[in-house]
């Protein structure tokens, strides 16, 4: 399933302008403007999204919060699919994640 999900995601996302499909730490990762907006993990896909969207997805049980070690990530959710092809239904979420990381301001301390 893991490789199948990576294949479905790569086929879907590499068609989008600016998306680079890569592999890191045994996972497929998807970047735009050198920023990761999605990656595969434990048979699911992880997306970086605005807090409002994250809360809505968790509330409807579409996704769960990403936990890395002991830290719960506020802007990252994990979505698991029974069938890898179901990921195609969330193309709008992937596009939102792309837009979010593309426009997120980088704070520079002077």
PDB file of N, CA and C in Angstrom:
ATOM      1  N   UNK A   1       0.832  -1.208   0.000  1.00  0.00           N
ATOM      2  CA  UNK A   1       0.000   0.000   0.000  1.00  0.00           C
ATOM      3  C   UNK A   1       0.867   1.259   0.000  1.00  0.00           C
ATOM      4  N   UNK A   2       1.978   1.257   0.801  1.00  0.00           N
ATOM      5  CA  UNK A   2       2.809   2.446   0.916  1.00  0.00           C
ATOM      6  C   UNK A   2       3.340   2.877  -0.455  1.00  0.00           C
ATOM      7  N   UNK A   3       3.936   1.934  -1.188  1.00  0.00           N
ATOM      8  CA  UNK A   3       4.471   2.268  -2.503  1.00  0.00           C
ATOM      9  C   UNK A   3       3.359   2.636  -3.468  1.00  0.00           C
ATOM     10  N   UNK A   4       2.223   1.955  -3.340  1.00  0.00           N
ATOM     11  CA  UNK A   4       1.096   2.253  -4.214  1.00  0.00           C
ATOM     12  C   UNK A   4       0.619   3.683  -3.976  1.00  0.00           C
ATOM     13  N   UNK A   5       0.527   4.115  -2.711  1.00  0.00           N
ATOM     14  CA  UNK A   5       0.111   5.477  -2.388  1.00  0.00           C
ATOM     15  C   UNK A   5       1.111   6.477  -2.968  1.00  0.00           C
ATOM     16  N   UNK A   6       2.388   6.197  -2.824  1.00  0.00           N
ATOM     17  CA  UNK A   6       3.418   7.081  -3.374  1.00  0.00           C
ATOM     18  C   UNK A   6       3.258   7.229  -4.881  1.00  0.00           C
ATOM     19  N   UNK A   7       2.946   6.132  -5.555  1.00  0.00           N
ATOM     20  CA  UNK A   7       2.765   6.143  -7.008  1.00  0.00           C
ATOM     21  C   UNK A   7       1.556   6.983  -7.405  1.00  0.00           C
ATOM     22  N   UNK A   8       0.444   6.803  -6.682  1.00  0.00           N
ATOM     23  CA  UNK A   8      -0.773   7.577  -6.960  1.00  0.00           C
ATOM     24  C   UNK A   8      -0.511   9.059  -6.738  1.00  0.00           C
ATOM     25  N   UNK A   9       0.128   9.394  -5.624  1.00  0.00           N
ATOM     26  CA  UNK A   9       0.407  10.794  -5.305  1.00  0.00           C
ATOM     27  C   UNK A   9       1.363  11.414  -6.327  1.00  0.00           C
ATOM     28  N   UNK A  10       2.402  10.683  -6.685  1.00  0.00           N
ATOM     29  CA  UNK A  10       3.369  11.207  -7.657  1.00  0.00           C
ATOM     30  C   UNK A  10       2.685  11.473  -8.996  1.00  0.00           C
ATOM     31  N   UNK A  11       1.866  10.539  -9.447  1.00  0.00           N
ATOM     32  CA  UNK A  11       1.165  10.713 -10.727  1.00  0.00           C
ATOM     33  C   UNK A  11       0.242  11.930 -10.687  1.00  0.00           C
ATOM     34  N   UNK A  12      -0.414  12.130  -9.554  1.00  0.00           N
ATOM     35  CA  UNK A  12      -1.368  13.224  -9.417  1.00  0.00           C
ATOM     36  C   UNK A  12      -0.657  14.578  -9.267  1.00  0.00           C
ATOM     37  N   UNK A  13       0.379  14.626  -8.440  1.00  0.00           N
ATOM     38  CA  UNK A  13       0.984  15.903  -8.067  1.00  0.00           C
ATOM     39  C   UNK A  13       2.059  16.396  -9.027  1.00  0.00           C
ATOM     40  N   UNK A  14       2.758  15.481  -9.706  1.00  0.00           N
ATOM     41  CA  UNK A  14       3.833  15.942 -10.593  1.00  0.00           C
ATOM     42  C   UNK A  14       3.308  16.714 -11.793  1.00  0.00           C
ATOM     43  N   UNK A  15       2.012  16.627 -12.039  1.00  0.00           N
ATOM     44  CA  UNK A  15       1.388  17.372 -13.137  1.00  0.00           C
ATOM     45  C   UNK A  15       1.183  18.844 -12.770  1.00  0.00           C
ATOM     46  N   UNK A  16       1.213  19.140 -11.490  1.00  0.00           N
ATOM     47  CA  UNK A  16       0.960  20.505 -11.036  1.00  0.00           C
ATOM     48  C   UNK A  16       2.210  21.367 -11.207  1.00  0.00           C
ATOM     49  N   UNK A  17       2.032  22.633 -11.590  1.00  0.00           N
ATOM     50  CA  UNK A  17       3.185  23.510 -11.840  1.00  0.00           C
ATOM     51  C   UNK A  17       4.058  23.699 -10.602  1.00  0.00           C
ATOM     52  N   UNK A  18       5.364  23.504 -10.783  1.00  0.00           N
ATOM     53  CA  UNK A  18       6.324  23.760  -9.719  1.00  0.00           C
ATOM     54  C   UNK A  18       6.538  22.627  -8.736  1.00  0.00           C
ATOM     55  N   UNK A  19       5.786  21.535  -8.856  1.00  0.00           N
ATOM     56  CA  UNK A  19       5.917  20.438  -7.891  1.00  0.00           C
ATOM     57  C   UNK A  19       7.112  19.560  -8.251  1.00  0.00           C
ATOM     58  N   UNK A  20       7.922  19.278  -7.233  1.00  0.00           N
ATOM     59  CA  UNK A  20       9.048  18.371  -7.389  1.00  0.00           C
ATOM     60  C   UNK A  20       8.774  17.158  -6.507  1.00  0.00           C
ATOM     61  N   UNK A  21       8.848  15.978  -7.113  1.00  0.00           N
ATOM     62  CA  UNK A  21       8.629  14.728  -6.391  1.00  0.00           C
ATOM     63  C   UNK A  21      10.000  14.170  -6.037  1.00  0.00           C
ATOM     64  N   UNK A  22      10.192  13.872  -4.758  1.00  0.00           N
ATOM     65  CA  UNK A  22      11.478  13.344  -4.316  1.00  0.00           C
ATOM     66  C   UNK A  22      11.303  12.183  -3.363  1.00  0.00           C
ATOM     67  N   UNK A  23      12.425  11.700  -2.869  1.00  0.00           N
ATOM     68  CA  UNK A  23      12.394  10.611  -1.898  1.00  0.00           C
ATOM     69  C   UNK A  23      13.407  10.934  -0.818  1.00  0.00           C
ATOM     70  N   UNK A  24      12.972  10.819   0.423  1.00  0.00           N
ATOM     71  CA  UNK A  24      13.849  11.116   1.542  1.00  0.00           C
ATOM     72  C   UNK A  24      13.418  10.259   2.730  1.00  0.00           C
ATOM     73  N   UNK A  25      14.363   9.678   3.423  1.00  0.00           N
ATOM     74  CA  UNK A  25      14.061   8.853   4.595  1.00  0.00           C
ATOM     75  C   UNK A  25      13.011   7.781   4.297  1.00  0.00           C
ATOM     76  N   UNK A  26      13.129   7.143   3.148  1.00  0.00           N
ATOM     77  CA  UNK A  26      12.226   6.049   2.770  1.00  0.00           C
ATOM     78  C   UNK A  26      10.786   6.499   2.538  1.00  0.00           C
ATOM     79  N   UNK A  27      10.586   7.778   2.311  1.00  0.00           N
ATOM     80  CA  UNK A  27       9.256   8.329   2.046  1.00  0.00           C
ATOM     81  C   UNK A  27       9.304   9.162   0.770  1.00  0.00           C
ATOM     82  N   UNK A  28       8.158   9.237   0.108  1.00  0.00           N
ATOM     83  CA  UNK A  28       8.045  10.162  -1.020  1.00  0.00           C
ATOM     84  C   UNK A  28       7.762  11.534  -0.426  1.00  0.00           C
ATOM     85  N   UNK A  29       8.409  12.557  -0.968  1.00  0.00           N
ATOM     86  CA  UNK A  29       8.076  13.902  -0.508  1.00  0.00           C
ATOM     87  C   UNK A  29       7.788  14.786  -1.709  1.00  0.00           C
ATOM     88  N   UNK A  30       6.981  15.799  -1.457  1.00  0.00           N
ATOM     89  CA  UNK A  30       6.489  16.661  -2.516  1.00  0.00           C
ATOM     90  C   UNK A  30       6.767  18.102  -2.109  1.00  0.00           C
ATOM     91  N   UNK A  31       7.505  18.802  -2.975  1.00  0.00           N
ATOM     92  CA  UNK A  31       7.890  20.169  -2.652  1.00  0.00           C
ATOM     93  C   UNK A  31       7.444  21.128  -3.744  1.00  0.00           C
ATOM     94  N   UNK A  32       7.295  22.369  -3.337  1.00  0.00           N
ATOM     95  CA  UNK A  32       7.058  23.464  -4.264  1.00  0.00           C
ATOM     96  C   UNK A  32       7.908  24.624  -3.751  1.00  0.00           C
ATOM     97  N   UNK A  33       8.676  25.233  -4.623  1.00  0.00           N
ATOM     98  CA  UNK A  33       9.612  26.305  -4.258  1.00  0.00           C
ATOM     99  C   UNK A  33      10.565  25.861  -3.146  1.00  0.00           C
ATOM    100  N   UNK A  34      10.988  24.605  -3.238  1.00  0.00           N
ATOM    101  CA  UNK A  34      11.921  23.980  -2.291  1.00  0.00           C
ATOM    102  C   UNK A  34      11.351  23.824  -0.882  1.00  0.00           C
ATOM    103  N   UNK A  35      10.041  23.922  -0.740  1.00  0.00           N
ATOM    104  CA  UNK A  35       9.396  23.745   0.573  1.00  0.00           C
ATOM    105  C   UNK A  35       8.489  22.522   0.519  1.00  0.00           C
ATOM    106  N   UNK A  36       8.607  21.662   1.520  1.00  0.00           N
ATOM    107  CA  UNK A  36       7.788  20.445   1.580  1.00  0.00           C
ATOM    108  C   UNK A  36       6.357  20.812   1.938  1.00  0.00           C
ATOM    109  N   UNK A  37       5.404  20.319   1.148  1.00  0.00           N
ATOM    110  CA  UNK A  37       3.995  20.509   1.474  1.00  0.00           C
ATOM    111  C   UNK A  37       3.301  19.185   1.764  1.00  0.00           C
ATOM    112  N   UNK A  38       3.926  18.068   1.389  1.00  0.00           N
ATOM    113  CA  UNK A  38       3.335  16.749   1.655  1.00  0.00           C
ATOM    114  C   UNK A  38       4.424  15.685   1.622  1.00  0.00           C
ATOM    115  N   UNK A  39       4.209  14.608   2.386  1.00  0.00           N
ATOM    116  CA  UNK A  39       5.096  13.453   2.310  1.00  0.00           C
ATOM    117  C   UNK A  39       4.345  12.228   2.819  1.00  0.00           C
ATOM    118  N   UNK A  40       4.835  11.062   2.415  1.00  0.00           N
ATOM    119  CA  UNK A  40       4.201   9.828   2.866  1.00  0.00           C
ATOM    120  C   UNK A  40       4.838   9.403   4.186  1.00  0.00           C
ATOM    121  N   UNK A  41       4.014   8.782   5.029  1.00  0.00           N
ATOM    122  CA  UNK A  41       4.498   8.312   6.336  1.00  0.00           C
ATOM    123  C   UNK A  41       3.569   7.229   6.848  1.00  0.00           C
ATOM    124  N   UNK A  42       4.132   6.075   7.162  1.00  0.00           N
ATOM    125  CA  UNK A  42       3.373   4.972   7.763  1.00  0.00           C
ATOM    126  C   UNK A  42       2.086   4.640   6.997  1.00  0.00           C
ATOM    127  N   UNK A  43       2.165   4.585   5.689  1.00  0.00           N
ATOM    128  CA  UNK A  43       1.011   4.209   4.885  1.00  0.00           C
ATOM    129  C   UNK A  43      -0.019   5.310   4.684  1.00  0.00           C
ATOM    130  N   UNK A  44       0.303   6.518   5.117  1.00  0.00           N
ATOM    131  CA  UNK A  44      -0.601   7.655   4.929  1.00  0.00           C
ATOM    132  C   UNK A  44       0.147   8.803   4.288  1.00  0.00           C
ATOM    133  N   UNK A  45      -0.540   9.916   4.160  1.00  0.00           N
ATOM    134  CA  UNK A  45       0.099  11.114   3.615  1.00  0.00           C
ATOM    135  C   UNK A  45      -0.012  12.233   4.639  1.00  0.00           C
ATOM    136  N   UNK A  46       1.053  13.001   4.759  1.00  0.00           N
ATOM    137  CA  UNK A  46       1.121  14.117   5.699  1.00  0.00           C
ATOM    138  C   UNK A  46       1.089  15.408   4.884  1.00  0.00           C
ATOM    139  N   UNK A  47       0.237  16.344   5.306  1.00  0.00           N
ATOM    140  CA  UNK A  47       0.081  17.618   4.597  1.00  0.00           C
ATOM    141  C   UNK A  47       0.282  18.789   5.549  1.00  0.00           C
ATOM    142  N   UNK A  48       0.911  19.847   5.057  1.00  0.00           N
ATOM    143  CA  UNK A  48       1.049  21.085   5.833  1.00  0.00           C
ATOM    144  C   UNK A  48      -0.050  22.032   5.373  1.00  0.00           C
ATOM    145  N   UNK A  49      -0.901  22.416   6.316  1.00  0.00           N
ATOM    146  CA  UNK A  49      -2.080  23.218   5.998  1.00  0.00           C
ATOM    147  C   UNK A  49      -2.288  24.304   7.044  1.00  0.00           C
ATOM    148  N   UNK A  50      -3.078  25.331   6.689  1.00  0.00           N
ATOM    149  CA  UNK A  50      -3.398  26.372   7.672  1.00  0.00           C
ATOM    150  C   UNK A  50      -4.131  25.768   8.878  1.00  0.00           C
ATOM    151  N   UNK A  51      -3.927  26.360  10.040  1.00  0.00           N
ATOM    152  CA  UNK A  51      -4.515  25.858  11.283  1.00  0.00           C
ATOM    153  C   UNK A  51      -6.023  25.670  11.178  1.00  0.00           C
ATOM    154  N   UNK A  52      -6.707  26.601  10.518  1.00  0.00           N
ATOM    155  CA  UNK A  52      -8.164  26.507  10.364  1.00  0.00           C
ATOM    156  C   UNK A  52      -8.557  25.218   9.628  1.00  0.00           C
ATOM    157  N   UNK A  53      -7.846  24.903   8.565  1.00  0.00           N
ATOM    158  CA  UNK A  53      -8.113  23.684   7.797  1.00  0.00           C
ATOM    159  C   UNK A  53      -7.772  22.444   8.616  1.00  0.00           C
ATOM    160  N   UNK A  54      -6.656  22.499   9.335  1.00  0.00           N
ATOM    161  CA  UNK A  54      -6.243  21.383  10.185  1.00  0.00           C
ATOM    162  C   UNK A  54      -7.339  21.068  11.196  1.00  0.00           C
ATOM    163  N   UNK A  55      -7.834  22.093  11.871  1.00  0.00           N
ATOM    164  CA  UNK A  55      -8.883  21.890  12.875  1.00  0.00           C
ATOM    165  C   UNK A  55     -10.136  21.283  12.260  1.00  0.00           C
ATOM    166  N   UNK A  56     -10.521  21.742  11.079  1.00  0.00           N
ATOM    167  CA  UNK A  56     -11.711  21.213  10.406  1.00  0.00           C
ATOM    168  C   UNK A  56     -11.525  19.741  10.042  1.00  0.00           C
ATOM    169  N   UNK A  57     -10.357  19.383   9.538  1.00  0.00           N
ATOM    170  CA  UNK A  57     -10.089  17.990   9.153  1.00  0.00           C
ATOM    171  C   UNK A  57     -10.070  17.062  10.361  1.00  0.00           C
ATOM    172  N   UNK A  58      -9.500  17.534  11.456  1.00  0.00           N
ATOM    173  CA  UNK A  58      -9.455  16.729  12.673  1.00  0.00           C
ATOM    174  C   UNK A  58     -10.864  16.593  13.259  1.00  0.00           C
ATOM    175  N   UNK A  59     -11.620  17.693  13.242  1.00  0.00           N
ATOM    176  CA  UNK A  59     -12.988  17.679  13.774  1.00  0.00           C
ATOM    177  C   UNK A  59     -13.861  16.662  13.035  1.00  0.00           C
ATOM    178  N   UNK A  60     -13.701  16.587  11.720  1.00  0.00           N
ATOM    179  CA  UNK A  60     -14.517  15.659  10.921  1.00  0.00           C
ATOM    180  C   UNK A  60     -13.899  14.261  10.832  1.00  0.00           C
ATOM    181  N   UNK A  61     -12.784  14.080  11.527  1.00  0.00           N
ATOM    182  CA  UNK A  61     -12.065  12.803  11.559  1.00  0.00           C
ATOM    183  C   UNK A  61     -11.554  12.359  10.185  1.00  0.00           C
ATOM    184  N   UNK A  62     -11.357  13.314   9.309  1.00  0.00           N
ATOM    185  CA  UNK A  62     -10.764  13.037   8.004  1.00  0.00           C
ATOM    186  C   UNK A  62      -9.263  12.825   8.167  1.00  0.00           C
ATOM    187  N   UNK A  63      -8.689  13.513   9.170  1.00  0.00           N
ATOM    188  CA  UNK A  63      -7.244  13.462   9.410  1.00  0.00           C
ATOM    189  C   UNK A  63      -6.973  13.501  10.906  1.00  0.00           C
ATOM    190  N   UNK A  64      -5.721  13.191  11.252  1.00  0.00           N
ATOM    191  CA  UNK A  64      -5.281  13.324  12.644  1.00  0.00           C
ATOM    192  C   UNK A  64      -4.037  14.210  12.656  1.00  0.00           C
ATOM    193  N   UNK A  65      -3.751  14.779  13.804  1.00  0.00           N
ATOM    194  CA  UNK A  65      -2.571  15.630  13.932  1.00  0.00           C
ATOM    195  C   UNK A  65      -1.305  14.784  13.824  1.00  0.00           C
ATOM    196  N   UNK A  66      -0.276  15.333  13.234  1.00  0.00           N
ATOM    197  CA  UNK A  66       1.008  14.650  13.132  1.00  0.00           C
ATOM    198  C   UNK A  66       1.749  14.797  14.454  1.00  0.00           C
ATOM    199  N   UNK A  67       2.231  13.674  14.968  1.00  0.00           N
ATOM    200  CA  UNK A  67       3.037  13.692  16.185  1.00  0.00           C
ATOM    201  C   UNK A  67       4.429  13.200  15.811  1.00  0.00           C
ATOM    202  N   UNK A  68       5.416  14.039  16.086  1.00  0.00           N
ATOM    203  CA  UNK A  68       6.816  13.693  15.815  1.00  0.00           C
ATOM    204  C   UNK A  68       7.510  13.597  17.168  1.00  0.00           C
ATOM    205  N   UNK A  69       7.836  12.390  17.569  1.00  0.00           N
ATOM    206  CA  UNK A  69       8.393  12.184  18.902  1.00  0.00           C
ATOM    207  C   UNK A  69       7.315  12.494  19.935  1.00  0.00           C
ATOM    208  N   UNK A  70       7.575  13.487  20.779  1.00  0.00           N
ATOM    209  CA  UNK A  70       6.590  13.903  21.783  1.00  0.00           C
ATOM    210  C   UNK A  70       5.878  15.185  21.378  1.00  0.00           C
ATOM    211  N   UNK A  71       6.212  15.694  20.208  1.00  0.00           N
ATOM    212  CA  UNK A  71       5.693  16.995  19.778  1.00  0.00           C
ATOM    213  C   UNK A  71       4.536  16.836  18.796  1.00  0.00           C
ATOM    214  N   UNK A  72       3.423  17.495  19.094  1.00  0.00           N
ATOM    215  CA  UNK A  72       2.279  17.510  18.181  1.00  0.00           C
ATOM    216  C   UNK A  72       2.407  18.737  17.291  1.00  0.00           C
ATOM    217  N   UNK A  73       2.400  18.499  15.991  1.00  0.00           N
ATOM    218  CA  UNK A  73       2.597  19.571  15.017  1.00  0.00           C
ATOM    219  C   UNK A  73       1.254  20.249  14.725  1.00  0.00           C
ATOM    220  N   UNK A  74       1.199  21.580  14.836  1.00  0.00           N
ATOM    221  CA  UNK A  74      -0.057  22.323  14.687  1.00  0.00           C
ATOM    222  C   UNK A  74      -0.507  22.467  13.235  1.00  0.00           C
ATOM    223  N   UNK A  75       0.440  22.485  12.313  1.00  0.00           N
ATOM    224  CA  UNK A  75       0.099  22.748  10.912  1.00  0.00           C
ATOM    225  C   UNK A  75       0.191  21.508  10.030  1.00  0.00           C
ATOM    226  N   UNK A  76       0.400  20.351  10.623  1.00  0.00           N
ATOM    227  CA  UNK A  76       0.573  19.122   9.846  1.00  0.00           C
ATOM    228  C   UNK A  76      -0.484  18.097  10.242  1.00  0.00           C
ATOM    229  N   UNK A  77      -1.116  17.487   9.238  1.00  0.00           N
ATOM    230  CA  UNK A  77      -2.093  16.430   9.488  1.00  0.00           C
ATOM    231  C   UNK A  77      -1.696  15.174   8.721  1.00  0.00           C
ATOM    232  N   UNK A  78      -2.189  14.034   9.214  1.00  0.00           N
ATOM    233  CA  UNK A  78      -1.967  12.751   8.561  1.00  0.00           C
ATOM    234  C   UNK A  78      -3.318  12.230   8.085  1.00  0.00           C
ATOM    235  N   UNK A  79      -3.363  11.828   6.821  1.00  0.00           N
ATOM    236  CA  UNK A  79      -4.579  11.228   6.271  1.00  0.00           C
ATOM    237  C   UNK A  79      -4.229   9.813   5.815  1.00  0.00           C
ATOM    238  N   UNK A  80      -5.015   8.849   6.276  1.00  0.00           N
ATOM    239  CA  UNK A  80      -4.843   7.459   5.853  1.00  0.00           C
ATOM    240  C   UNK A  80      -5.982   7.105   4.912  1.00  0.00           C
ATOM    241  N   UNK A  81      -5.660   6.350   3.887  1.00  0.00           N
ATOM    242  CA  UNK A  81      -6.647   5.936   2.893  1.00  0.00           C
ATOM    243  C   UNK A  81      -6.775   4.420   2.888  1.00  0.00           C
ATOM    244  N   UNK A  82      -8.012   3.922   2.841  1.00  0.00           N
ATOM    245  CA  UNK A  82      -8.227   2.480   2.701  1.00  0.00           C
ATOM    246  C   UNK A  82      -7.781   2.036   1.317  1.00  0.00           C
ATOM    247  N   UNK A  83      -8.024   2.889   0.328  1.00  0.00           N
ATOM    248  CA  UNK A  83      -7.619   2.634  -1.051  1.00  0.00           C
ATOM    249  C   UNK A  83      -6.780   3.829  -1.497  1.00  0.00           C
ATOM    250  N   UNK A  84      -5.590   3.570  -1.995  1.00  0.00           N
ATOM    251  CA  UNK A  84      -4.684   4.649  -2.409  1.00  0.00           C
ATOM    252  C   UNK A  84      -5.325   5.618  -3.394  1.00  0.00           C
ATOM    253  N   UNK A  85      -6.174   5.102  -4.265  1.00  0.00           N
ATOM    254  CA  UNK A  85      -6.822   5.944  -5.277  1.00  0.00           C
ATOM    255  C   UNK A  85      -7.708   7.017  -4.645  1.00  0.00           C
ATOM    256  N   UNK A  86      -8.134   6.802  -3.403  1.00  0.00           N
ATOM    257  CA  UNK A  86      -8.973   7.786  -2.716  1.00  0.00           C
ATOM    258  C   UNK A  86      -8.247   9.112  -2.494  1.00  0.00           C
ATOM    259  N   UNK A  87      -6.923   9.091  -2.551  1.00  0.00           N
ATOM    260  CA  UNK A  87      -6.150  10.325  -2.377  1.00  0.00           C
ATOM    261  C   UNK A  87      -6.521  11.350  -3.444  1.00  0.00           C
ATOM    262  N   UNK A  88      -6.933  10.883  -4.608  1.00  0.00           N
ATOM    263  CA  UNK A  88      -7.305  11.790  -5.699  1.00  0.00           C
ATOM    264  C   UNK A  88      -8.481  12.686  -5.310  1.00  0.00           C
ATOM    265  N   UNK A  89      -9.310  12.217  -4.379  1.00  0.00           N
ATOM    266  CA  UNK A  89     -10.465  13.005  -3.930  1.00  0.00           C
ATOM    267  C   UNK A  89     -10.027  14.246  -3.161  1.00  0.00           C
ATOM    268  N   UNK A  90      -8.787  14.258  -2.688  1.00  0.00           N
ATOM    269  CA  UNK A  90      -8.288  15.367  -1.881  1.00  0.00           C
ATOM    270  C   UNK A  90      -7.341  16.284  -2.651  1.00  0.00           C
ATOM    271  N   UNK A  91      -7.446  16.309  -3.968  1.00  0.00           N
ATOM    272  CA  UNK A  91      -6.568  17.166  -4.763  1.00  0.00           C
ATOM    273  C   UNK A  91      -6.629  18.618  -4.292  1.00  0.00           C
ATOM    274  N   UNK A  92      -7.814  19.097  -3.942  1.00  0.00           N
ATOM    275  CA  UNK A  92      -7.957  20.476  -3.468  1.00  0.00           C
ATOM    276  C   UNK A  92      -7.143  20.711  -2.192  1.00  0.00           C
ATOM    277  N   UNK A  93      -7.071  19.711  -1.314  1.00  0.00           N
ATOM    278  CA  UNK A  93      -6.269  19.839  -0.088  1.00  0.00           C
ATOM    279  C   UNK A  93      -4.780  19.926  -0.429  1.00  0.00           C
ATOM    280  N   UNK A  94      -4.345  19.117  -1.389  1.00  0.00           N
ATOM    281  CA  UNK A  94      -2.947  19.166  -1.803  1.00  0.00           C
ATOM    282  C   UNK A  94      -2.613  20.535  -2.394  1.00  0.00           C
ATOM    283  N   UNK A  95      -3.520  21.077  -3.174  1.00  0.00           N
ATOM    284  CA  UNK A  95      -3.307  22.408  -3.760  1.00  0.00           C
ATOM    285  C   UNK A  95      -3.291  23.472  -2.662  1.00  0.00           C
ATOM    286  N   UNK A  96      -4.156  23.317  -1.659  1.00  0.00           N
ATOM    287  CA  UNK A  96      -4.155  24.262  -0.540  1.00  0.00           C
ATOM    288  C   UNK A  96      -2.828  24.192   0.208  1.00  0.00           C
ATOM    289  N   UNK A  97      -2.303  22.989   0.398  1.00  0.00           N
ATOM    290  CA  UNK A  97      -1.016  22.815   1.074  1.00  0.00           C
ATOM    291  C   UNK A  97       0.106  23.474   0.264  1.00  0.00           C
ATOM    292  N   UNK A  98       0.063  23.302  -1.058  1.00  0.00           N
ATOM    293  CA  UNK A  98       1.057  23.941  -1.928  1.00  0.00           C
ATOM    294  C   UNK A  98       1.003  25.454  -1.786  1.00  0.00           C
ATOM    295  N   UNK A  99      -0.197  25.994  -1.868  1.00  0.00           N
ATOM    296  CA  UNK A  99      -0.360  27.449  -1.748  1.00  0.00           C
ATOM    297  C   UNK A  99       0.106  27.937  -0.383  1.00  0.00           C
ATOM    298  N   UNK A 100      -0.220  27.170   0.645  1.00  0.00           N
ATOM    299  CA  UNK A 100       0.119  27.566   2.005  1.00  0.00           C
ATOM    300  C   UNK A 100       1.637  27.665   2.192  1.00  0.00           C
ATOM    301  N   UNK A 101       2.379  26.650   1.770  1.00  0.00           N
ATOM    302  CA  UNK A 101       3.831  26.717   1.961  1.00  0.00           C
ATOM    303  C   UNK A 101       4.476  27.724   1.012  1.00  0.00           C
ATOM    304  N   UNK A 102       3.860  27.960  -0.135  1.00  0.00           N
ATOM    305  CA  UNK A 102       4.408  28.915  -1.104  1.00  0.00           C
ATOM    306  C   UNK A 102       4.288  30.352  -0.627  1.00  0.00           C
ATOM    307  N   UNK A 103       3.203  30.638   0.092  1.00  0.00           N
ATOM    308  CA  UNK A 103       2.949  32.020   0.486  1.00  0.00           C
ATOM    309  C   UNK A 103       3.310  32.303   1.937  1.00  0.00           C
ATOM    310  N   UNK A 104       3.659  31.266   2.686  1.00  0.00           N
ATOM    311  CA  UNK A 104       3.985  31.455   4.095  1.00  0.00           C
ATOM    312  C   UNK A 104       5.239  32.321   4.206  1.00  0.00           C
ATOM    313  N   UNK A 105       5.098  33.397   4.933  1.00  0.00           N
ATOM    314  CA  UNK A 105       6.210  34.357   5.076  1.00  0.00           C
ATOM    315  C   UNK A 105       7.327  33.755   5.922  1.00  0.00           C
ATOM    316  N   UNK A 106       8.526  34.059   5.538  1.00  0.00           N
ATOM    317  CA  UNK A 106       9.688  33.642   6.315  1.00  0.00           C
ATOM    318  C   UNK A 106      10.111  34.839   7.155  1.00  0.00           C
ATOM    319  N   UNK A 107      10.156  34.652   8.449  1.00  0.00           N
ATOM    320  CA  UNK A 107      10.534  35.741   9.342  1.00  0.00           C
ATOM    321  C   UNK A 107      12.056  35.783   9.450  1.00  0.00           C
ATOM    322  N   UNK A 108      12.607  36.923   9.182  1.00  0.00           N
ATOM    323  CA  UNK A 108      14.048  37.100   9.264  1.00  0.00           C
ATOM    324  C   UNK A 108      14.334  38.088  10.385  1.00  0.00           C
ATOM    325  N   UNK A 109      15.148  37.677  11.324  1.00  0.00           N
ATOM    326  CA  UNK A 109      15.513  38.553  12.442  1.00  0.00           C
ATOM    327  C   UNK A 109      16.721  39.373  12.033  1.00  0.00           C
ATOM    328  N   UNK A 110      16.648  40.679  12.265  1.00  0.00           N
ATOM    329  CA  UNK A 110      17.760  41.561  11.885  1.00  0.00           C
ATOM    330  C   UNK A 110      18.636  41.851  13.069  1.00  0.00           C
TER     331      UNK A 110
END
